[in-house]
């Protein structure tokens, strides 16, 4: 026959285990909330950089002028903020997909979103290197490269947003 103290020990162990699982679940929920906050914040920053930088470039492009040194520094800072935002989006996105879905195998729309986001990250690295080299040499960035990357980035962001809307209905 099982003694009463063994049963109480077993119940105590089960209670502690349940408390641990509940704490883990609360920590998981809080982690998801915190990661989503930083993910959305990075989306706002990267969108602001895209709109602000694009607006500055289009004004100078329509006037057929090259941005002066101060505006070039602003564009350089905006580029760094945009790149940092994309890196934060990748880090938080990877962690969120692992926490919520257990990995990247969500659906095909999500796969297309990841591919477009990867191209966007590569373009951001390329343009930041180009702007850095231009400012180092005290030359304005190449107008053709800037326009091509700007248009491509806008198209890729549109693809990322559409795919995200489809993937996460």
N, C-alpha and C. Protein backbone atom coordinates (compact mmCIF):
# COMPACT_ATOMS: atom_id res chain seq x y z
N UNK A 1 0.82 -1.17 0.00
CA UNK A 1 0.00 0.00 0.00
C UNK A 1 0.89 1.26 0.00
N UNK A 2 0.44 2.30 -0.69
CA UNK A 2 1.20 3.55 -0.78
C UNK A 2 0.94 4.37 0.47
N UNK A 3 2.02 4.85 1.07
CA UNK A 3 1.88 5.66 2.28
C UNK A 3 1.39 7.06 1.91
N UNK A 4 0.72 7.70 2.85
CA UNK A 4 0.16 9.02 2.65
C UNK A 4 1.23 10.07 2.39
N UNK A 5 2.38 9.94 3.02
CA UNK A 5 3.42 10.95 2.82
C UNK A 5 4.00 10.86 1.41
N UNK A 6 4.03 9.65 0.81
CA UNK A 6 4.49 9.53 -0.57
C UNK A 6 3.53 10.25 -1.53
N UNK A 7 2.26 10.11 -1.27
CA UNK A 7 1.25 10.78 -2.11
C UNK A 7 1.39 12.29 -1.98
N UNK A 8 1.60 12.76 -0.75
CA UNK A 8 1.76 14.21 -0.58
C UNK A 8 3.04 14.70 -1.27
N UNK A 9 4.10 13.89 -1.24
CA UNK A 9 5.33 14.26 -1.96
C UNK A 9 5.09 14.32 -3.46
N UNK A 10 4.35 13.35 -3.98
CA UNK A 10 4.04 13.33 -5.41
C UNK A 10 3.19 14.53 -5.79
N UNK A 11 2.20 14.84 -4.98
CA UNK A 11 1.34 16.00 -5.24
C UNK A 11 2.13 17.30 -5.17
N UNK A 12 3.03 17.38 -4.19
CA UNK A 12 3.88 18.57 -4.08
C UNK A 12 4.74 18.73 -5.33
N UNK A 13 5.34 17.63 -5.81
CA UNK A 13 6.17 17.66 -7.01
C UNK A 13 5.34 18.08 -8.23
N UNK A 14 4.15 17.53 -8.38
CA UNK A 14 3.29 17.89 -9.50
C UNK A 14 2.88 19.36 -9.44
N UNK A 15 2.62 19.84 -8.23
CA UNK A 15 2.25 21.23 -8.05
C UNK A 15 3.41 22.15 -8.45
N UNK A 16 4.62 21.82 -8.03
CA UNK A 16 5.80 22.61 -8.37
C UNK A 16 6.04 22.58 -9.89
N UNK A 17 5.86 21.42 -10.48
CA UNK A 17 6.05 21.29 -11.93
C UNK A 17 5.02 22.13 -12.67
N UNK A 18 3.77 22.10 -12.22
CA UNK A 18 2.72 22.90 -12.85
C UNK A 18 3.03 24.40 -12.70
N UNK A 19 3.48 24.81 -11.53
CA UNK A 19 3.87 26.21 -11.33
C UNK A 19 4.99 26.61 -12.27
N UNK A 20 5.96 25.72 -12.47
CA UNK A 20 7.06 26.00 -13.37
C UNK A 20 6.56 26.17 -14.80
N UNK A 21 5.65 25.28 -15.24
CA UNK A 21 5.10 25.40 -16.59
C UNK A 21 4.29 26.68 -16.75
N UNK A 22 3.54 27.06 -15.72
CA UNK A 22 2.76 28.30 -15.79
C UNK A 22 3.70 29.51 -15.87
N UNK A 23 4.78 29.48 -15.09
CA UNK A 23 5.75 30.57 -15.16
C UNK A 23 6.40 30.62 -16.53
N UNK A 24 6.71 29.47 -17.10
CA UNK A 24 7.30 29.42 -18.43
C UNK A 24 6.34 29.99 -19.45
N UNK A 25 5.06 29.65 -19.32
CA UNK A 25 4.07 30.15 -20.26
C UNK A 25 3.93 31.67 -20.14
N UNK A 26 3.96 32.18 -18.91
CA UNK A 26 3.88 33.63 -18.71
C UNK A 26 5.14 34.30 -19.28
N UNK A 27 6.30 33.69 -19.07
CA UNK A 27 7.54 34.25 -19.63
C UNK A 27 7.49 34.21 -21.15
N UNK A 28 6.93 33.15 -21.71
CA UNK A 28 6.82 33.04 -23.16
C UNK A 28 5.89 34.13 -23.71
N UNK A 29 4.77 34.33 -23.05
CA UNK A 29 3.82 35.36 -23.48
C UNK A 29 4.46 36.74 -23.38
N UNK A 30 5.15 37.01 -22.29
CA UNK A 30 5.81 38.31 -22.13
C UNK A 30 6.92 38.49 -23.17
N UNK A 31 7.63 37.41 -23.48
CA UNK A 31 8.67 37.48 -24.51
C UNK A 31 8.06 37.82 -25.86
N UNK A 32 6.95 37.19 -26.19
CA UNK A 32 6.28 37.47 -27.46
C UNK A 32 5.82 38.92 -27.51
N UNK A 33 5.26 39.42 -26.43
CA UNK A 33 4.79 40.80 -26.39
C UNK A 33 5.96 41.77 -26.56
N UNK A 34 7.04 41.53 -25.84
CA UNK A 34 8.22 42.39 -25.93
C UNK A 34 8.85 42.34 -27.32
N UNK A 35 8.97 41.15 -27.88
CA UNK A 35 9.54 41.02 -29.23
C UNK A 35 8.65 41.69 -30.28
N UNK A 36 7.33 41.54 -30.14
CA UNK A 36 6.42 42.20 -31.08
C UNK A 36 6.53 43.72 -30.98
N UNK A 37 6.69 44.23 -29.76
CA UNK A 37 6.85 45.68 -29.58
C UNK A 37 8.07 46.18 -30.35
N UNK A 38 9.22 45.52 -30.17
CA UNK A 38 10.43 45.95 -30.87
C UNK A 38 10.32 45.70 -32.38
N UNK A 39 9.62 44.65 -32.79
CA UNK A 39 9.41 44.36 -34.20
C UNK A 39 8.59 45.48 -34.85
N UNK A 40 7.50 45.87 -34.20
CA UNK A 40 6.65 46.94 -34.74
C UNK A 40 7.37 48.28 -34.71
N UNK A 41 8.15 48.53 -33.67
CA UNK A 41 8.92 49.77 -33.59
C UNK A 41 9.93 49.85 -34.74
N UNK A 42 10.57 48.73 -35.03
CA UNK A 42 11.52 48.69 -36.15
C UNK A 42 10.81 48.89 -37.48
N UNK A 43 9.59 48.38 -37.62
CA UNK A 43 8.81 48.62 -38.84
C UNK A 43 8.53 50.10 -39.00
N UNK A 44 8.16 50.77 -37.92
CA UNK A 44 7.88 52.20 -37.98
C UNK A 44 9.13 52.98 -38.38
N UNK A 45 10.27 52.65 -37.75
CA UNK A 45 11.52 53.34 -38.08
C UNK A 45 11.94 53.11 -39.52
N UNK A 46 11.87 51.87 -39.98
CA UNK A 46 12.30 51.60 -41.35
C UNK A 46 11.36 52.26 -42.36
N UNK A 47 10.07 52.28 -42.06
CA UNK A 47 9.13 52.98 -42.94
C UNK A 47 9.37 54.48 -42.96
N UNK A 48 9.66 55.05 -41.79
CA UNK A 48 9.96 56.48 -41.73
C UNK A 48 11.22 56.84 -42.48
N UNK A 49 12.22 55.98 -42.38
CA UNK A 49 13.47 56.22 -43.10
C UNK A 49 13.22 56.13 -44.60
N UNK A 50 12.43 55.16 -45.02
CA UNK A 50 12.14 55.00 -46.44
C UNK A 50 11.40 56.22 -46.99
N UNK A 51 10.39 56.67 -46.27
CA UNK A 51 9.62 57.82 -46.74
C UNK A 51 10.45 59.10 -46.66
N UNK A 52 11.13 59.32 -45.52
CA UNK A 52 11.92 60.54 -45.35
C UNK A 52 13.08 60.62 -46.32
N UNK A 53 13.85 59.54 -46.42
CA UNK A 53 14.98 59.53 -47.33
C UNK A 53 14.54 59.64 -48.78
N UNK A 54 13.46 58.94 -49.12
CA UNK A 54 12.93 59.01 -50.49
C UNK A 54 12.44 60.40 -50.84
N UNK A 55 11.81 61.06 -49.89
CA UNK A 55 11.31 62.42 -50.12
C UNK A 55 12.45 63.40 -50.34
N UNK A 56 13.47 63.30 -49.51
CA UNK A 56 14.64 64.18 -49.67
C UNK A 56 15.30 63.94 -51.02
N UNK A 57 15.46 62.67 -51.39
CA UNK A 57 16.09 62.36 -52.68
C UNK A 57 15.25 62.82 -53.84
N UNK A 58 13.94 62.69 -53.76
CA UNK A 58 13.09 63.09 -54.88
C UNK A 58 13.07 64.60 -55.06
N UNK A 59 13.12 65.35 -53.97
CA UNK A 59 13.16 66.82 -54.08
C UNK A 59 14.43 67.26 -54.79
N UNK A 60 15.55 66.69 -54.39
CA UNK A 60 16.81 67.05 -55.04
C UNK A 60 16.87 66.54 -56.47
N UNK A 61 16.28 65.39 -56.71
CA UNK A 61 16.30 64.82 -58.06
C UNK A 61 15.46 65.66 -59.01
N UNK A 62 14.29 66.11 -58.56
CA UNK A 62 13.43 66.95 -59.40
C UNK A 62 14.06 68.29 -59.69
N UNK A 63 14.82 68.81 -58.72
CA UNK A 63 15.50 70.09 -58.92
C UNK A 63 16.80 69.90 -59.71
N UNK A 64 17.11 68.65 -60.03
CA UNK A 64 18.34 68.30 -60.75
C UNK A 64 19.58 68.84 -60.03
N UNK A 65 19.56 68.67 -58.72
CA UNK A 65 20.67 69.10 -57.88
C UNK A 65 21.21 67.93 -57.08
N UNK A 66 22.40 68.11 -56.61
CA UNK A 66 23.03 67.12 -55.74
C UNK A 66 22.90 67.63 -54.30
N UNK A 67 22.50 66.77 -53.36
CA UNK A 67 22.40 67.22 -51.97
C UNK A 67 23.75 67.76 -51.47
N UNK A 68 23.66 68.84 -50.69
CA UNK A 68 24.90 69.39 -50.13
C UNK A 68 25.44 68.47 -49.03
N UNK A 69 26.53 68.89 -48.43
CA UNK A 69 27.22 68.04 -47.46
C UNK A 69 26.36 67.72 -46.24
N UNK A 70 25.58 68.70 -45.75
CA UNK A 70 24.76 68.48 -44.57
C UNK A 70 23.61 67.50 -44.86
N UNK A 71 22.99 67.66 -46.00
CA UNK A 71 21.90 66.76 -46.37
C UNK A 71 22.46 65.35 -46.63
N UNK A 72 23.63 65.28 -47.20
CA UNK A 72 24.26 63.97 -47.40
C UNK A 72 24.52 63.27 -46.08
N UNK A 73 24.91 64.05 -45.05
CA UNK A 73 25.12 63.46 -43.72
C UNK A 73 23.80 62.95 -43.15
N UNK A 74 22.74 63.71 -43.38
CA UNK A 74 21.41 63.28 -42.90
C UNK A 74 21.00 61.99 -43.60
N UNK A 75 21.20 61.93 -44.91
CA UNK A 75 20.87 60.71 -45.65
C UNK A 75 21.70 59.53 -45.16
N UNK A 76 22.95 59.79 -44.81
CA UNK A 76 23.83 58.75 -44.30
C UNK A 76 23.30 58.23 -42.96
N UNK A 77 22.90 59.14 -42.08
CA UNK A 77 22.35 58.74 -40.77
C UNK A 77 21.04 57.98 -40.97
N UNK A 78 20.19 58.46 -41.89
CA UNK A 78 18.94 57.76 -42.18
C UNK A 78 19.22 56.35 -42.71
N UNK A 79 20.25 56.23 -43.51
CA UNK A 79 20.62 54.90 -44.02
C UNK A 79 21.04 53.97 -42.91
N UNK A 80 21.81 54.48 -41.96
CA UNK A 80 22.23 53.65 -40.83
C UNK A 80 21.04 53.26 -39.96
N UNK A 81 20.12 54.20 -39.74
CA UNK A 81 18.92 53.89 -38.96
C UNK A 81 18.08 52.84 -39.67
N UNK A 82 17.95 52.98 -40.99
CA UNK A 82 17.20 52.00 -41.76
C UNK A 82 17.83 50.62 -41.71
N UNK A 83 19.16 50.56 -41.83
CA UNK A 83 19.86 49.28 -41.76
C UNK A 83 19.71 48.65 -40.38
N UNK A 84 19.86 49.45 -39.34
CA UNK A 84 19.68 48.94 -37.98
C UNK A 84 18.26 48.44 -37.77
N UNK A 85 17.28 49.17 -38.32
CA UNK A 85 15.89 48.74 -38.21
C UNK A 85 15.67 47.39 -38.88
N UNK A 86 16.27 47.21 -40.06
CA UNK A 86 16.13 45.93 -40.76
C UNK A 86 16.78 44.79 -39.98
N UNK A 87 17.91 45.06 -39.37
CA UNK A 87 18.58 44.03 -38.57
C UNK A 87 17.73 43.67 -37.35
N UNK A 88 17.15 44.68 -36.71
CA UNK A 88 16.26 44.42 -35.57
C UNK A 88 15.03 43.64 -36.02
N UNK A 89 14.50 43.99 -37.21
CA UNK A 89 13.36 43.24 -37.74
C UNK A 89 13.71 41.77 -37.96
N UNK A 90 14.90 41.51 -38.49
CA UNK A 90 15.32 40.13 -38.71
C UNK A 90 15.47 39.38 -37.39
N UNK A 91 16.14 39.99 -36.43
CA UNK A 91 16.37 39.31 -35.14
C UNK A 91 15.04 39.03 -34.44
N UNK A 92 14.21 40.04 -34.33
CA UNK A 92 12.93 39.84 -33.64
C UNK A 92 12.01 38.91 -34.43
N UNK A 93 12.07 39.00 -35.76
CA UNK A 93 11.24 38.12 -36.59
C UNK A 93 11.63 36.66 -36.45
N UNK A 94 12.92 36.39 -36.42
CA UNK A 94 13.39 35.01 -36.25
C UNK A 94 12.95 34.48 -34.88
N UNK A 95 13.14 35.29 -33.85
CA UNK A 95 12.75 34.85 -32.51
C UNK A 95 11.23 34.66 -32.40
N UNK A 96 10.47 35.58 -32.99
CA UNK A 96 9.01 35.45 -32.94
C UNK A 96 8.52 34.21 -33.70
N UNK A 97 9.08 33.97 -34.88
CA UNK A 97 8.62 32.79 -35.63
C UNK A 97 8.96 31.51 -34.90
N UNK A 98 10.09 31.49 -34.20
CA UNK A 98 10.44 30.30 -33.41
C UNK A 98 9.54 30.15 -32.18
N UNK A 99 9.25 31.26 -31.51
CA UNK A 99 8.41 31.19 -30.32
C UNK A 99 6.96 30.85 -30.64
N UNK A 100 6.44 31.47 -31.71
CA UNK A 100 5.01 31.30 -32.00
C UNK A 100 4.75 30.07 -32.86
N UNK A 101 5.55 29.89 -33.92
CA UNK A 101 5.27 28.83 -34.89
C UNK A 101 6.26 27.66 -34.83
N UNK A 102 7.32 27.80 -34.07
CA UNK A 102 8.29 26.73 -33.98
C UNK A 102 9.28 26.69 -35.13
N UNK A 103 9.37 27.74 -35.90
CA UNK A 103 10.32 27.80 -37.03
C UNK A 103 9.79 28.62 -38.18
N UNK A 104 10.44 28.45 -39.34
CA UNK A 104 10.08 29.24 -40.52
C UNK A 104 9.08 28.54 -41.43
N UNK A 105 8.77 27.30 -41.18
CA UNK A 105 7.86 26.56 -42.05
C UNK A 105 6.41 26.93 -41.73
N UNK A 106 6.03 28.16 -42.08
CA UNK A 106 4.69 28.64 -41.76
C UNK A 106 3.77 28.44 -42.96
N UNK A 107 4.05 29.11 -44.06
CA UNK A 107 3.34 28.92 -45.32
C UNK A 107 4.16 29.55 -46.44
N UNK A 108 3.72 29.40 -47.67
CA UNK A 108 4.52 29.89 -48.80
C UNK A 108 4.56 31.41 -48.86
N UNK A 109 3.51 32.09 -48.42
CA UNK A 109 3.54 33.56 -48.41
C UNK A 109 4.63 34.06 -47.46
N UNK A 110 4.78 33.38 -46.34
CA UNK A 110 5.83 33.75 -45.39
C UNK A 110 7.21 33.50 -46.00
N UNK A 111 7.36 32.43 -46.75
CA UNK A 111 8.63 32.14 -47.42
C UNK A 111 8.98 33.25 -48.42
N UNK A 112 7.99 33.68 -49.22
CA UNK A 112 8.22 34.79 -50.16
C UNK A 112 8.57 36.08 -49.41
N UNK A 113 7.92 36.29 -48.27
CA UNK A 113 8.21 37.47 -47.45
C UNK A 113 9.66 37.45 -46.98
N UNK A 114 10.12 36.30 -46.52
CA UNK A 114 11.50 36.17 -46.04
C UNK A 114 12.49 36.40 -47.18
N UNK A 115 12.20 35.86 -48.36
CA UNK A 115 13.09 36.05 -49.51
C UNK A 115 13.16 37.53 -49.90
N UNK A 116 12.01 38.20 -49.97
CA UNK A 116 12.00 39.63 -50.31
C UNK A 116 12.70 40.45 -49.23
N UNK A 117 12.51 40.09 -47.97
CA UNK A 117 13.18 40.80 -46.87
C UNK A 117 14.69 40.59 -46.93
N UNK A 118 15.13 39.42 -47.36
CA UNK A 118 16.56 39.16 -47.50
C UNK A 118 17.16 40.04 -48.59
N UNK A 119 16.47 40.14 -49.72
CA UNK A 119 16.94 41.03 -50.79
C UNK A 119 16.97 42.48 -50.32
N UNK A 120 15.98 42.88 -49.54
CA UNK A 120 15.93 44.24 -49.00
C UNK A 120 17.11 44.51 -48.07
N UNK A 121 17.44 43.54 -47.24
CA UNK A 121 18.59 43.68 -46.34
C UNK A 121 19.89 43.79 -47.14
N UNK A 122 20.03 42.99 -48.17
CA UNK A 122 21.23 43.05 -49.02
C UNK A 122 21.33 44.41 -49.70
N UNK A 123 20.21 44.90 -50.24
CA UNK A 123 20.22 46.23 -50.87
C UNK A 123 20.58 47.32 -49.88
N UNK A 124 20.09 47.19 -48.67
CA UNK A 124 20.39 48.19 -47.65
C UNK A 124 21.88 48.19 -47.31
N UNK A 125 22.47 47.02 -47.21
CA UNK A 125 23.92 46.94 -46.99
C UNK A 125 24.68 47.59 -48.14
N UNK A 126 24.29 47.27 -49.35
CA UNK A 126 24.98 47.80 -50.54
C UNK A 126 24.90 49.32 -50.58
N UNK A 127 23.72 49.86 -50.37
CA UNK A 127 23.56 51.32 -50.48
C UNK A 127 24.27 52.03 -49.33
N UNK A 128 24.29 51.42 -48.15
CA UNK A 128 25.01 52.03 -47.04
C UNK A 128 26.51 52.05 -47.30
N UNK A 129 27.03 51.00 -47.88
CA UNK A 129 28.45 50.98 -48.24
C UNK A 129 28.74 52.04 -49.31
N UNK A 130 27.83 52.15 -50.30
CA UNK A 130 28.01 53.15 -51.35
C UNK A 130 27.99 54.57 -50.78
N UNK A 131 27.03 54.85 -49.90
CA UNK A 131 26.94 56.19 -49.30
C UNK A 131 28.14 56.46 -48.41
N UNK A 132 28.57 55.45 -47.66
CA UNK A 132 29.75 55.62 -46.80
C UNK A 132 30.98 55.95 -47.63
N UNK A 133 31.20 55.20 -48.72
CA UNK A 133 32.35 55.47 -49.59
C UNK A 133 32.25 56.84 -50.25
N UNK A 134 31.05 57.24 -50.64
CA UNK A 134 30.87 58.55 -51.26
C UNK A 134 31.18 59.67 -50.27
N UNK A 135 30.67 59.53 -49.06
CA UNK A 135 30.92 60.60 -48.07
C UNK A 135 32.38 60.61 -47.64
N UNK A 136 33.03 59.45 -47.64
CA UNK A 136 34.45 59.38 -47.29
C UNK A 136 35.30 60.11 -48.34
N UNK A 137 34.87 60.01 -49.58
CA UNK A 137 35.60 60.68 -50.67
C UNK A 137 35.08 62.09 -50.95
N UNK A 138 34.16 62.58 -50.12
CA UNK A 138 33.53 63.90 -50.28
C UNK A 138 32.91 64.07 -51.66
N UNK A 139 32.27 63.00 -52.13
CA UNK A 139 31.56 63.03 -53.40
C UNK A 139 30.10 62.69 -53.13
N UNK A 140 29.22 63.21 -53.96
CA UNK A 140 27.81 62.82 -53.78
C UNK A 140 27.60 61.37 -54.26
N UNK A 141 26.60 60.70 -53.70
CA UNK A 141 26.31 59.34 -54.15
C UNK A 141 25.87 59.33 -55.62
N UNK A 142 26.13 58.22 -56.28
CA UNK A 142 25.74 58.07 -57.68
C UNK A 142 24.22 58.12 -57.79
N UNK A 143 23.73 59.04 -58.62
CA UNK A 143 22.30 59.28 -58.75
C UNK A 143 21.57 58.04 -59.30
N UNK A 144 22.17 57.38 -60.26
CA UNK A 144 21.53 56.22 -60.88
C UNK A 144 21.41 55.08 -59.88
N UNK A 145 22.47 54.84 -59.13
CA UNK A 145 22.45 53.76 -58.12
C UNK A 145 21.42 54.08 -57.04
N UNK A 146 21.40 55.33 -56.59
CA UNK A 146 20.45 55.73 -55.55
C UNK A 146 19.00 55.53 -56.01
N UNK A 147 18.72 55.94 -57.25
CA UNK A 147 17.35 55.82 -57.76
C UNK A 147 16.97 54.35 -57.94
N UNK A 148 17.89 53.55 -58.48
CA UNK A 148 17.61 52.13 -58.69
C UNK A 148 17.37 51.40 -57.38
N UNK A 149 18.21 51.66 -56.39
CA UNK A 149 18.04 51.00 -55.09
C UNK A 149 16.78 51.50 -54.40
N UNK A 150 16.49 52.78 -54.52
CA UNK A 150 15.30 53.34 -53.89
C UNK A 150 14.03 52.71 -54.48
N UNK A 151 13.96 52.62 -55.79
CA UNK A 151 12.79 52.02 -56.43
C UNK A 151 12.67 50.53 -56.09
N UNK A 152 13.80 49.84 -56.12
CA UNK A 152 13.80 48.41 -55.79
C UNK A 152 13.38 48.18 -54.34
N UNK A 153 13.86 49.03 -53.45
CA UNK A 153 13.51 48.89 -52.03
C UNK A 153 12.03 49.10 -51.80
N UNK A 154 11.46 50.08 -52.48
CA UNK A 154 10.02 50.32 -52.34
C UNK A 154 9.22 49.12 -52.83
N UNK A 155 9.63 48.57 -53.95
CA UNK A 155 8.93 47.40 -54.49
C UNK A 155 9.06 46.21 -53.53
N UNK A 156 10.25 46.02 -52.99
CA UNK A 156 10.47 44.90 -52.06
C UNK A 156 9.67 45.08 -50.77
N UNK A 157 9.59 46.30 -50.28
CA UNK A 157 8.79 46.53 -49.06
C UNK A 157 7.32 46.25 -49.33
N UNK A 158 6.85 46.64 -50.50
CA UNK A 158 5.47 46.36 -50.87
C UNK A 158 5.23 44.84 -50.92
N UNK A 159 6.16 44.10 -51.51
CA UNK A 159 6.06 42.64 -51.56
C UNK A 159 6.06 42.05 -50.14
N UNK A 160 6.95 42.55 -49.29
CA UNK A 160 7.03 42.05 -47.91
C UNK A 160 5.71 42.30 -47.18
N UNK A 161 5.14 43.48 -47.34
CA UNK A 161 3.89 43.80 -46.64
C UNK A 161 2.72 42.97 -47.15
N UNK A 162 2.64 42.80 -48.47
CA UNK A 162 1.55 42.00 -49.04
C UNK A 162 1.68 40.54 -48.59
N UNK A 163 2.90 40.02 -48.66
CA UNK A 163 3.11 38.62 -48.24
C UNK A 163 2.83 38.44 -46.74
N UNK A 164 3.20 39.42 -45.94
CA UNK A 164 2.92 39.34 -44.49
C UNK A 164 1.42 39.36 -44.24
N UNK A 165 0.69 40.20 -44.98
CA UNK A 165 -0.75 40.25 -44.82
C UNK A 165 -1.40 38.92 -45.20
N UNK A 166 -0.88 38.29 -46.24
CA UNK A 166 -1.41 36.98 -46.66
C UNK A 166 -1.01 35.89 -45.67
N UNK A 167 0.25 35.92 -45.24
CA UNK A 167 0.76 34.87 -44.35
C UNK A 167 0.10 34.86 -42.99
N UNK A 168 -0.21 36.04 -42.48
CA UNK A 168 -0.75 36.12 -41.11
C UNK A 168 -2.19 36.59 -41.08
N UNK A 169 -2.94 36.27 -42.09
CA UNK A 169 -4.36 36.62 -42.23
C UNK A 169 -4.93 37.25 -41.01
